[in-house]
PDB file of N, CA and C in Angstrom:
ATOM      1  N   MET A   1      14.476  -1.440  27.588  1.00  0.00           N
ATOM      2  CA  MET A   1      13.760  -1.416  26.329  1.00  0.00           C
ATOM      3  C   MET A   1      12.566  -0.475  26.454  1.00  0.00           C
ATOM      4  N   SER A   2      12.170   0.122  25.369  1.00  0.00           N
ATOM      5  CA  SER A   2      11.104   1.119  25.402  1.00  0.00           C
ATOM      6  C   SER A   2       9.708   0.505  25.307  1.00  0.00           C
ATOM      7  N   GLY A   3       9.602  -0.786  25.283  1.00  0.00           N
ATOM      8  CA  GLY A   3       8.302  -1.425  25.147  1.00  0.00           C
ATOM      9  C   GLY A   3       7.868  -1.576  23.693  1.00  0.00           C
ATOM     10  N   PHE A   4       8.745  -1.273  22.773  1.00  0.00           N
ATOM     11  CA  PHE A   4       8.451  -1.398  21.349  1.00  0.00           C
ATOM     12  C   PHE A   4       8.607  -2.846  20.921  1.00  0.00           C
ATOM     13  N   GLU A   5       7.594  -3.380  20.286  1.00  0.00           N
ATOM     14  CA  GLU A   5       7.649  -4.775  19.848  1.00  0.00           C
ATOM     15  C   GLU A   5       7.051  -4.879  18.450  1.00  0.00           C
ATOM     16  N   VAL A   6       7.728  -5.591  17.602  1.00  0.00           N
ATOM     17  CA  VAL A   6       7.238  -5.812  16.247  1.00  0.00           C
ATOM     18  C   VAL A   6       6.750  -7.245  16.156  1.00  0.00           C
ATOM     19  N   VAL A   7       5.526  -7.407  15.747  1.00  0.00           N
ATOM     20  CA  VAL A   7       4.960  -8.732  15.576  1.00  0.00           C
ATOM     21  C   VAL A   7       4.853  -8.980  14.069  1.00  0.00           C
ATOM     22  N   LEU A   8       5.633  -9.930  13.589  1.00  0.00           N
ATOM     23  CA  LEU A   8       5.722 -10.170  12.154  1.00  0.00           C
ATOM     24  C   LEU A   8       4.378 -10.529  11.545  1.00  0.00           C
ATOM     25  N   ASP A   9       3.575 -11.305  12.249  1.00  0.00           N
ATOM     26  CA  ASP A   9       2.261 -11.675  11.712  1.00  0.00           C
ATOM     27  C   ASP A   9       1.351 -10.457  11.564  1.00  0.00           C
ATOM     28  N   ASP A  10       1.483  -9.500  12.478  1.00  0.00           N
ATOM     29  CA  ASP A  10       0.685  -8.275  12.367  1.00  0.00           C
ATOM     30  C   ASP A  10       1.090  -7.469  11.136  1.00  0.00           C
ATOM     31  N   LEU A  11       2.387  -7.360  10.901  1.00  0.00           N
ATOM     32  CA  LEU A  11       2.853  -6.648   9.709  1.00  0.00           C
ATOM     33  C   LEU A  11       2.380  -7.350   8.437  1.00  0.00           C
ATOM     34  N   LYS A  12       2.445  -8.671   8.434  1.00  0.00           N
ATOM     35  CA  LYS A  12       1.993  -9.439   7.274  1.00  0.00           C
ATOM     36  C   LYS A  12       0.498  -9.229   7.041  1.00  0.00           C
ATOM     37  N   SER A  13      -0.270  -9.244   8.112  1.00  0.00           N
ATOM     38  CA  SER A  13      -1.715  -9.040   8.014  1.00  0.00           C
ATOM     39  C   SER A  13      -2.045  -7.633   7.517  1.00  0.00           C
ATOM     40  N   MET A  14      -1.324  -6.643   8.034  1.00  0.00           N
ATOM     41  CA  MET A  14      -1.560  -5.269   7.595  1.00  0.00           C
ATOM     42  C   MET A  14      -1.204  -5.102   6.119  1.00  0.00           C
ATOM     43  N   ALA A  15      -0.104  -5.687   5.692  1.00  0.00           N
ATOM     44  CA  ALA A  15       0.296  -5.593   4.288  1.00  0.00           C
ATOM     45  C   ALA A  15      -0.762  -6.216   3.392  1.00  0.00           C
ATOM     46  N   LYS A  16      -1.288  -7.361   3.798  1.00  0.00           N
ATOM     47  CA  LYS A  16      -2.330  -8.021   3.009  1.00  0.00           C
ATOM     48  C   LYS A  16      -3.598  -7.176   2.973  1.00  0.00           C
ATOM     49  N   SER A  17      -3.962  -6.593   4.107  1.00  0.00           N
ATOM     50  CA  SER A  17      -5.156  -5.742   4.156  1.00  0.00           C
ATOM     51  C   SER A  17      -5.017  -4.550   3.214  1.00  0.00           C
ATOM     52  N   PHE A  18      -3.862  -3.894   3.245  1.00  0.00           N
ATOM     53  CA  PHE A  18      -3.648  -2.756   2.355  1.00  0.00           C
ATOM     54  C   PHE A  18      -3.703  -3.192   0.889  1.00  0.00           C
ATOM     55  N   ALA A  19      -3.065  -4.308   0.570  1.00  0.00           N
ATOM     56  CA  ALA A  19      -3.065  -4.790  -0.816  1.00  0.00           C
ATOM     57  C   ALA A  19      -4.480  -5.154  -1.260  1.00  0.00           C
ATOM     58  N   ASP A  20      -5.233  -5.830  -0.392  1.00  0.00           N
ATOM     59  CA  ASP A  20      -6.613  -6.191  -0.726  1.00  0.00           C
ATOM     60  C   ASP A  20      -7.473  -4.947  -0.939  1.00  0.00           C
ATOM     61  N   GLU A  21      -7.290  -3.950  -0.083  1.00  0.00           N
ATOM     62  CA  GLU A  21      -8.095  -2.732  -0.204  1.00  0.00           C
ATOM     63  C   GLU A  21      -7.713  -1.925  -1.437  1.00  0.00           C
ATOM     64  N   ALA A  22      -6.452  -1.967  -1.835  1.00  0.00           N
ATOM     65  CA  ALA A  22      -6.049  -1.296  -3.070  1.00  0.00           C
ATOM     66  C   ALA A  22      -6.763  -1.938  -4.256  1.00  0.00           C
ATOM     67  N   THR A  23      -6.830  -3.261  -4.252  1.00  0.00           N
ATOM     68  CA  THR A  23      -7.530  -3.978  -5.327  1.00  0.00           C
ATOM     69  C   THR A  23      -9.023  -3.647  -5.317  1.00  0.00           C
ATOM     70  N   THR A  24      -9.607  -3.616  -4.124  1.00  0.00           N
ATOM     71  CA  THR A  24     -11.029  -3.281  -3.999  1.00  0.00           C
ATOM     72  C   THR A  24     -11.293  -1.865  -4.499  1.00  0.00           C
ATOM     73  N   TYR A  25     -10.459  -0.930  -4.064  1.00  0.00           N
ATOM     74  CA  TYR A  25     -10.612   0.468  -4.485  1.00  0.00           C
ATOM     75  C   TYR A  25     -10.528   0.572  -6.005  1.00  0.00           C
ATOM     76  N   GLU A  26      -9.550  -0.117  -6.583  1.00  0.00           N
ATOM     77  CA  GLU A  26      -9.385  -0.063  -8.039  1.00  0.00           C
ATOM     78  C   GLU A  26     -10.631  -0.563  -8.756  1.00  0.00           C
ATOM     79  N   GLY A  27     -11.265  -1.588  -8.203  1.00  0.00           N
ATOM     80  CA  GLY A  27     -12.498  -2.096  -8.792  1.00  0.00           C
ATOM     81  C   GLY A  27     -13.659  -1.127  -8.673  1.00  0.00           C
ATOM     82  N   LEU A  28     -13.610  -0.264  -7.677  1.00  0.00           N
ATOM     83  CA  LEU A  28     -14.682   0.705  -7.458  1.00  0.00           C
ATOM     84  C   LEU A  28     -14.516   1.996  -8.262  1.00  0.00           C
ATOM     85  N   VAL A  29     -13.315   2.253  -8.727  1.00  0.00           N
ATOM     86  CA  VAL A  29     -13.019   3.516  -9.413  1.00  0.00           C
ATOM     87  C   VAL A  29     -13.993   3.820 -10.542  1.00  0.00           C
ATOM     88  N   PRO A  30     -14.314   2.886 -11.418  1.00  0.00           N
ATOM     89  CA  PRO A  30     -15.250   3.236 -12.496  1.00  0.00           C
ATOM     90  C   PRO A  30     -16.603   3.742 -11.979  1.00  0.00           C
ATOM     91  N   GLY A  31     -17.044   3.261 -10.855  1.00  0.00           N
ATOM     92  CA  GLY A  31     -18.314   3.713 -10.296  1.00  0.00           C
ATOM     93  C   GLY A  31     -18.242   5.091  -9.679  1.00  0.00           C
ATOM     94  N   PHE A  32     -17.045   5.576  -9.408  1.00  0.00           N
ATOM     95  CA  PHE A  32     -16.881   6.909  -8.827  1.00  0.00           C
ATOM     96  C   PHE A  32     -17.036   8.015  -9.865  1.00  0.00           C
ATOM     97  N   LEU A  33     -16.886   7.655 -11.113  1.00  0.00           N
ATOM     98  CA  LEU A  33     -16.874   8.673 -12.155  1.00  0.00           C
ATOM     99  C   LEU A  33     -18.227   8.761 -12.851  1.00  0.00           C
ATOM    100  N   PRO A  34     -18.862   9.909 -12.766  1.00  0.00           N
ATOM    101  CA  PRO A  34     -20.134  10.073 -13.470  1.00  0.00           C
ATOM    102  C   PRO A  34     -19.886  10.190 -14.972  1.00  0.00           C
ATOM    103  N   ALA A  35     -20.906   9.928 -15.727  1.00  0.00           N
ATOM    104  CA  ALA A  35     -20.793  10.068 -17.173  1.00  0.00           C
ATOM    105  C   ALA A  35     -20.745  11.554 -17.521  1.00  0.00           C
ATOM    106  N   ALA A  36     -19.962  11.860 -18.525  1.00  0.00           N
ATOM    107  CA  ALA A  36     -19.896  13.247 -18.982  1.00  0.00           C
ATOM    108  C   ALA A  36     -21.225  13.615 -19.639  1.00  0.00           C
ATOM    109  N   VAL A  37     -21.647  14.821 -19.416  1.00  0.00           N
ATOM    110  CA  VAL A  37     -22.913  15.289 -19.995  1.00  0.00           C
ATOM    111  C   VAL A  37     -22.622  16.369 -21.024  1.00  0.00           C
ATOM    112  N   ASP A  38     -23.546  16.543 -21.912  1.00  0.00           N
ATOM    113  CA  ASP A  38     -23.424  17.610 -22.911  1.00  0.00           C
ATOM    114  C   ASP A  38     -24.129  18.843 -22.365  1.00  0.00           C
ATOM    115  N   SER A  39     -23.344  19.851 -22.098  1.00  0.00           N
ATOM    116  CA  SER A  39     -23.903  21.078 -21.533  1.00  0.00           C
ATOM    117  C   SER A  39     -24.446  22.021 -22.595  1.00  0.00           C
ATOM    118  N   GLY A  40     -24.125  21.716 -23.842  1.00  0.00           N
ATOM    119  CA  GLY A  40     -24.528  22.609 -24.921  1.00  0.00           C
ATOM    120  C   GLY A  40     -23.457  23.639 -25.250  1.00  0.00           C
ATOM    121  N   ASP A  41     -22.417  23.683 -24.445  1.00  0.00           N
ATOM    122  CA  ASP A  41     -21.314  24.623 -24.653  1.00  0.00           C
ATOM    123  C   ASP A  41     -20.034  23.808 -24.799  1.00  0.00           C
ATOM    124  N   ALA A  42     -19.361  23.919 -25.926  1.00  0.00           N
ATOM    125  CA  ALA A  42     -18.171  23.125 -26.213  1.00  0.00           C
ATOM    126  C   ALA A  42     -17.055  23.383 -25.201  1.00  0.00           C
ATOM    127  N   VAL A  43     -16.890  24.629 -24.783  1.00  0.00           N
ATOM    128  CA  VAL A  43     -15.834  24.961 -23.825  1.00  0.00           C
ATOM    129  C   VAL A  43     -16.139  24.314 -22.467  1.00  0.00           C
ATOM    130  N   LEU A  44     -17.386  24.407 -22.036  1.00  0.00           N
ATOM    131  CA  LEU A  44     -17.778  23.793 -20.770  1.00  0.00           C
ATOM    132  C   LEU A  44     -17.676  22.274 -20.860  1.00  0.00           C
ATOM    133  N   ASN A  45     -18.040  21.701 -21.994  1.00  0.00           N
ATOM    134  CA  ASN A  45     -17.909  20.251 -22.178  1.00  0.00           C
ATOM    135  C   ASN A  45     -16.453  19.812 -22.009  1.00  0.00           C
ATOM    136  N   GLU A  46     -15.520  20.581 -22.558  1.00  0.00           N
ATOM    137  CA  GLU A  46     -14.095  20.263 -22.417  1.00  0.00           C
ATOM    138  C   GLU A  46     -13.660  20.378 -20.957  1.00  0.00           C
ATOM    139  N   ALA A  47     -14.169  21.380 -20.258  1.00  0.00           N
ATOM    140  CA  ALA A  47     -13.831  21.538 -18.840  1.00  0.00           C
ATOM    141  C   ALA A  47     -14.370  20.365 -18.027  1.00  0.00           C
ATOM    142  N   ILE A  48     -15.578  19.945 -18.312  1.00  0.00           N
ATOM    143  CA  ILE A  48     -16.167  18.791 -17.622  1.00  0.00           C
ATOM    144  C   ILE A  48     -15.347  17.538 -17.904  1.00  0.00           C
ATOM    145  N   LYS A  49     -15.013  17.353 -19.181  1.00  0.00           N
ATOM    146  CA  LYS A  49     -14.201  16.194 -19.560  1.00  0.00           C
ATOM    147  C   LYS A  49     -12.856  16.223 -18.838  1.00  0.00           C
ATOM    148  N   GLY A  50     -12.220  17.374 -18.779  1.00  0.00           N
ATOM    149  CA  GLY A  50     -10.933  17.505 -18.084  1.00  0.00           C
ATOM    150  C   GLY A  50     -11.062  17.213 -16.596  1.00  0.00           C
ATOM    151  N   GLY A  51     -12.147  17.692 -15.997  1.00  0.00           N
ATOM    152  CA  GLY A  51     -12.381  17.423 -14.576  1.00  0.00           C
ATOM    153  C   GLY A  51     -12.569  15.937 -14.304  1.00  0.00           C
ATOM    154  N   LEU A  52     -13.311  15.266 -15.153  1.00  0.00           N
ATOM    155  CA  LEU A  52     -13.528  13.827 -14.985  1.00  0.00           C
ATOM    156  C   LEU A  52     -12.240  13.039 -15.194  1.00  0.00           C
ATOM    157  N   GLU A  53     -11.433  13.458 -16.163  1.00  0.00           N
ATOM    158  CA  GLU A  53     -10.143  12.797 -16.377  1.00  0.00           C
ATOM    159  C   GLU A  53      -9.237  12.986 -15.160  1.00  0.00           C
ATOM    160  N   LEU A  54      -9.273  14.185 -14.579  1.00  0.00           N
ATOM    161  CA  LEU A  54      -8.473  14.443 -13.381  1.00  0.00           C
ATOM    162  C   LEU A  54      -8.945  13.566 -12.220  1.00  0.00           C
ATOM    163  N   LEU A  55     -10.246  13.408 -12.052  1.00  0.00           N
ATOM    164  CA  LEU A  55     -10.763  12.523 -11.005  1.00  0.00           C
ATOM    165  C   LEU A  55     -10.291  11.085 -11.213  1.00  0.00           C
ATOM    166  N   ALA A  56     -10.291  10.632 -12.452  1.00  0.00           N
ATOM    167  CA  ALA A  56      -9.827   9.274 -12.748  1.00  0.00           C
ATOM    168  C   ALA A  56      -8.348   9.129 -12.382  1.00  0.00           C
ATOM    169  N   ILE A  57      -7.554  10.120 -12.730  1.00  0.00           N
ATOM    170  CA  ILE A  57      -6.122  10.082 -12.408  1.00  0.00           C
ATOM    171  C   ILE A  57      -5.918  10.070 -10.897  1.00  0.00           C
ATOM    172  N   LEU A  58      -6.630  10.935 -10.188  1.00  0.00           N
ATOM    173  CA  LEU A  58      -6.488  11.003  -8.736  1.00  0.00           C
ATOM    174  C   LEU A  58      -6.902   9.693  -8.069  1.00  0.00           C
ATOM    175  N   ASN A  59      -7.963   9.077  -8.553  1.00  0.00           N
ATOM    176  CA  ASN A  59      -8.376   7.789  -7.988  1.00  0.00           C
ATOM    177  C   ASN A  59      -7.310   6.727  -8.207  1.00  0.00           C
ATOM    178  N   HIS A  60      -6.730   6.688  -9.385  1.00  0.00           N
ATOM    179  CA  HIS A  60      -5.686   5.697  -9.665  1.00  0.00           C
ATOM    180  C   HIS A  60      -4.418   5.995  -8.850  1.00  0.00           C
ATOM    181  N   GLN A  61      -4.143   7.272  -8.613  1.00  0.00           N
ATOM    182  CA  GLN A  61      -3.006   7.611  -7.758  1.00  0.00           C
ATOM    183  C   GLN A  61      -3.264   7.165  -6.325  1.00  0.00           C
ATOM    184  N   MET A  62      -4.504   7.275  -5.868  1.00  0.00           N
ATOM    185  CA  MET A  62      -4.841   6.822  -4.520  1.00  0.00           C
ATOM    186  C   MET A  62      -4.676   5.308  -4.422  1.00  0.00           C
ATOM    187  N   VAL A  63      -5.114   4.585  -5.430  1.00  0.00           N
ATOM    188  CA  VAL A  63      -4.921   3.132  -5.450  1.00  0.00           C
ATOM    189  C   VAL A  63      -3.437   2.819  -5.358  1.00  0.00           C
ATOM    190  N   ARG A  64      -2.640   3.522  -6.125  1.00  0.00           N
ATOM    191  CA  ARG A  64      -1.186   3.274  -6.118  1.00  0.00           C
ATOM    192  C   ARG A  64      -0.579   3.606  -4.754  1.00  0.00           C
ATOM    193  N   ALA A  65      -1.036   4.685  -4.128  1.00  0.00           N
ATOM    194  CA  ALA A  65      -0.514   5.058  -2.807  1.00  0.00           C
ATOM    195  C   ALA A  65      -0.819   3.974  -1.773  1.00  0.00           C
ATOM    196  N   VAL A  66      -2.018   3.425  -1.816  1.00  0.00           N
ATOM    197  CA  VAL A  66      -2.381   2.358  -0.872  1.00  0.00           C
ATOM    198  C   VAL A  66      -1.522   1.125  -1.140  1.00  0.00           C
ATOM    199  N   GLN A  67      -1.307   0.804  -2.420  1.00  0.00           N
ATOM    200  CA  GLN A  67      -0.471  -0.346  -2.775  1.00  0.00           C
ATOM    201  C   GLN A  67       0.972  -0.136  -2.344  1.00  0.00           C
ATOM    202  N   ILE A  68       1.469   1.080  -2.467  1.00  0.00           N
ATOM    203  CA  ILE A  68       2.834   1.382  -2.024  1.00  0.00           C
ATOM    204  C   ILE A  68       2.960   1.142  -0.521  1.00  0.00           C
ATOM    205  N   HIS A  69       1.942   1.535   0.238  1.00  0.00           N
ATOM    206  CA  HIS A  69       1.972   1.287   1.682  1.00  0.00           C
ATOM    207  C   HIS A  69       1.964  -0.216   1.966  1.00  0.00           C
ATOM    208  N   ALA A  70       1.206  -0.974   1.194  1.00  0.00           N
ATOM    209  CA  ALA A  70       1.201  -2.434   1.351  1.00  0.00           C
ATOM    210  C   ALA A  70       2.597  -2.991   1.088  1.00  0.00           C
ATOM    211  N   ASP A  71       3.234  -2.501   0.041  1.00  0.00           N
ATOM    212  CA  ASP A  71       4.581  -2.956  -0.303  1.00  0.00           C
ATOM    213  C   ASP A  71       5.589  -2.596   0.798  1.00  0.00           C
ATOM    214  N   LYS A  72       5.453  -1.397   1.353  1.00  0.00           N
ATOM    215  CA  LYS A  72       6.362  -0.978   2.419  1.00  0.00           C
ATOM    216  C   LYS A  72       6.169  -1.823   3.681  1.00  0.00           C
ATOM    217  N   LEU A  73       4.934  -2.149   4.000  1.00  0.00           N
ATOM    218  CA  LEU A  73       4.679  -3.005   5.161  1.00  0.00           C
ATOM    219  C   LEU A  73       5.264  -4.393   4.948  1.00  0.00           C
ATOM    220  N   ALA A  74       5.092  -4.934   3.746  1.00  0.00           N
ATOM    221  CA  ALA A  74       5.653  -6.255   3.440  1.00  0.00           C
ATOM    222  C   ALA A  74       7.182  -6.205   3.506  1.00  0.00           C
ATOM    223  N   TYR A  75       7.762  -5.130   3.006  1.00  0.00           N
ATOM    224  CA  TYR A  75       9.214  -4.984   3.050  1.00  0.00           C
ATOM    225  C   TYR A  75       9.702  -4.892   4.500  1.00  0.00           C
ATOM    226  N   ALA A  76       8.995  -4.117   5.323  1.00  0.00           N
ATOM    227  CA  ALA A  76       9.375  -3.982   6.734  1.00  0.00           C
ATOM    228  C   ALA A  76       9.317  -5.335   7.427  1.00  0.00           C
ATOM    229  N   ARG A  77       8.271  -6.097   7.174  1.00  0.00           N
ATOM    230  CA  ARG A  77       8.127  -7.418   7.781  1.00  0.00           C
ATOM    231  C   ARG A  77       9.285  -8.319   7.370  1.00  0.00           C
ATOM    232  N   ASP A  78       9.571  -8.348   6.075  1.00  0.00           N
ATOM    233  CA  ASP A  78      10.663  -9.186   5.576  1.00  0.00           C
ATOM    234  C   ASP A  78      12.011  -8.731   6.137  1.00  0.00           C
ATOM    235  N   SER A  79      12.188  -7.428   6.248  1.00  0.00           N
ATOM    236  CA  SER A  79      13.432  -6.890   6.783  1.00  0.00           C
ATOM    237  C   SER A  79      13.611  -7.273   8.249  1.00  0.00           C
ATOM    238  N   TYR A  80      12.544  -7.122   9.038  1.00  0.00           N
ATOM    239  CA  TYR A  80      12.624  -7.533  10.443  1.00  0.00           C
ATOM    240  C   TYR A  80      12.945  -9.019  10.562  1.00  0.00           C
ATOM    241  N   GLU A  81      12.322  -9.819   9.720  1.00  0.00           N
ATOM    242  CA  GLU A  81      12.559 -11.262   9.782  1.00  0.00           C
ATOM    243  C   GLU A  81      14.004 -11.584   9.424  1.00  0.00           C
ATOM    244  N   ARG A  82      14.530 -10.951   8.380  1.00  0.00           N
ATOM    245  CA  ARG A  82      15.930 -11.177   7.991  1.00  0.00           C
ATOM    246  C   ARG A  82      16.878 -10.791   9.115  1.00  0.00           C
ATOM    247  N   HIS A  83      16.649  -9.639   9.720  1.00  0.00           N
ATOM    248  CA  HIS A  83      17.528  -9.187  10.797  1.00  0.00           C
ATOM    249  C   HIS A  83      17.408 -10.081  12.024  1.00  0.00           C
ATOM    250  N   ASP A  84      16.212 -10.549  12.296  1.00  0.00           N
ATOM    251  CA  ASP A  84      16.014 -11.451  13.427  1.00  0.00           C
ATOM    252  C   ASP A  84      16.790 -12.743  13.203  1.00  0.00           C
ATOM    253  N   ILE A  85      16.736 -13.279  12.003  1.00  0.00           N
ATOM    254  CA  ILE A  85      17.482 -14.499  11.681  1.00  0.00           C
ATOM    255  C   ILE A  85      18.982 -14.231  11.778  1.00  0.00           C
ATOM    256  N   ASP A  86      19.434 -13.078  11.249  1.00  0.00           N
ATOM    257  CA  ASP A  86      20.862 -12.729  11.313  1.00  0.00           C
ATOM    258  C   ASP A  86      21.323 -12.605  12.759  1.00  0.00           C
ATOM    259  N   ASN A  87      20.518 -11.951  13.588  1.00  0.00           N
ATOM    260  CA  ASN A  87      20.886 -11.789  15.001  1.00  0.00           C
ATOM    261  C   ASN A  87      20.921 -13.131  15.716  1.00  0.00           C
ATOM    262  N   ARG A  88      19.997 -13.992  15.406  1.00  0.00           N
ATOM    263  CA  ARG A  88      19.963 -15.322  16.035  1.00  0.00           C
ATOM    264  C   ARG A  88      21.191 -16.131  15.630  1.00  0.00           C
ATOM    265  N   LYS A  89      21.537 -16.082  14.345  1.00  0.00           N
ATOM    266  CA  LYS A  89      22.730 -16.797  13.881  1.00  0.00           C
ATOM    267  C   LYS A  89      23.983 -16.253  14.551  1.00  0.00           C
ATOM    268  N   LEU A  90      24.061 -14.928  14.698  1.00  0.00           N
ATOM    269  CA  LEU A  90      25.210 -14.321  15.359  1.00  0.00           C
ATOM    270  C   LEU A  90      25.287 -14.798  16.811  1.00  0.00           C
ATOM    271  N   PHE A  91      24.157 -14.786  17.503  1.00  0.00           N
ATOM    272  CA  PHE A  91      24.121 -15.251  18.887  1.00  0.00           C
ATOM    273  C   PHE A  91      24.570 -16.709  18.971  1.00  0.00           C
ATOM    274  N   ASP A  92      24.037 -17.543  18.095  1.00  0.00           N
ATOM    275  CA  ASP A  92      24.421 -18.958  18.100  1.00  0.00           C
ATOM    276  C   ASP A  92      25.914 -19.136  17.817  1.00  0.00           C
ATOM    277  N   ASP A  93      26.436 -18.354  16.874  1.00  0.00           N
ATOM    278  CA  ASP A  93      27.861 -18.457  16.565  1.00  0.00           C
ATOM    279  C   ASP A  93      28.725 -18.011  17.742  1.00  0.00           C
ATOM    280  N   LEU A  94      28.279 -16.991  18.437  1.00  0.00           N
ATOM    281  CA  LEU A  94      29.073 -16.477  19.559  1.00  0.00           C
ATOM    282  C   LEU A  94      29.011 -17.391  20.776  1.00  0.00           C
ATOM    283  N   THR A  95      27.947 -18.146  20.910  1.00  0.00           N
ATOM    284  CA  THR A  95      27.779 -18.958  22.122  1.00  0.00           C
ATOM    285  C   THR A  95      27.952 -20.455  21.899  1.00  0.00           C
ATOM    286  N   LYS A  96      28.258 -20.899  20.703  1.00  0.00           N
ATOM    287  CA  LYS A  96      28.307 -22.332  20.428  1.00  0.00           C
ATOM    288  C   LYS A  96      29.457 -23.025  21.159  1.00  0.00           C
ATOM    289  N   ASP A  97      30.536 -22.352  21.452  1.00  0.00           N
ATOM    290  CA  ASP A  97      31.679 -22.978  22.104  1.00  0.00           C
ATOM    291  C   ASP A  97      31.678 -22.771  23.629  1.00  0.00           C
ATOM    292  N   LEU A  98      30.650 -22.127  24.134  1.00  0.00           N
ATOM    293  CA  LEU A  98      30.584 -21.926  25.589  1.00  0.00           C
ATOM    294  C   LEU A  98      30.120 -23.219  26.258  1.00  0.00           C
ATOM    295  N   PRO A  99      30.634 -23.444  27.478  1.00  0.00           N
ATOM    296  CA  PRO A  99      30.256 -24.684  28.179  1.00  0.00           C
ATOM    297  C   PRO A  99      28.803 -24.694  28.590  1.00  0.00           C
TER     298      PRO A  99
END
């Protein structure tokens, strides 16, 4: 064996941490965005508004990316657990009639 070991509780803890941090980040997003200012130039005001909207989109995409990682960790944990149970059942079935 290569020394690789999966600890289900660690995966569960990591998934929860990622999910919690995604929620925390989402709560912080409004504070990341400064208020739009009036520059006195309509074209510049539109550019500022567009830049702020882009920042809002990027922040929400970052929240989603962190949540996706949480979901993937939870899926990996569940998958390992399912396979572990399947392997154990197979072992038990193969050895139940042995003396």
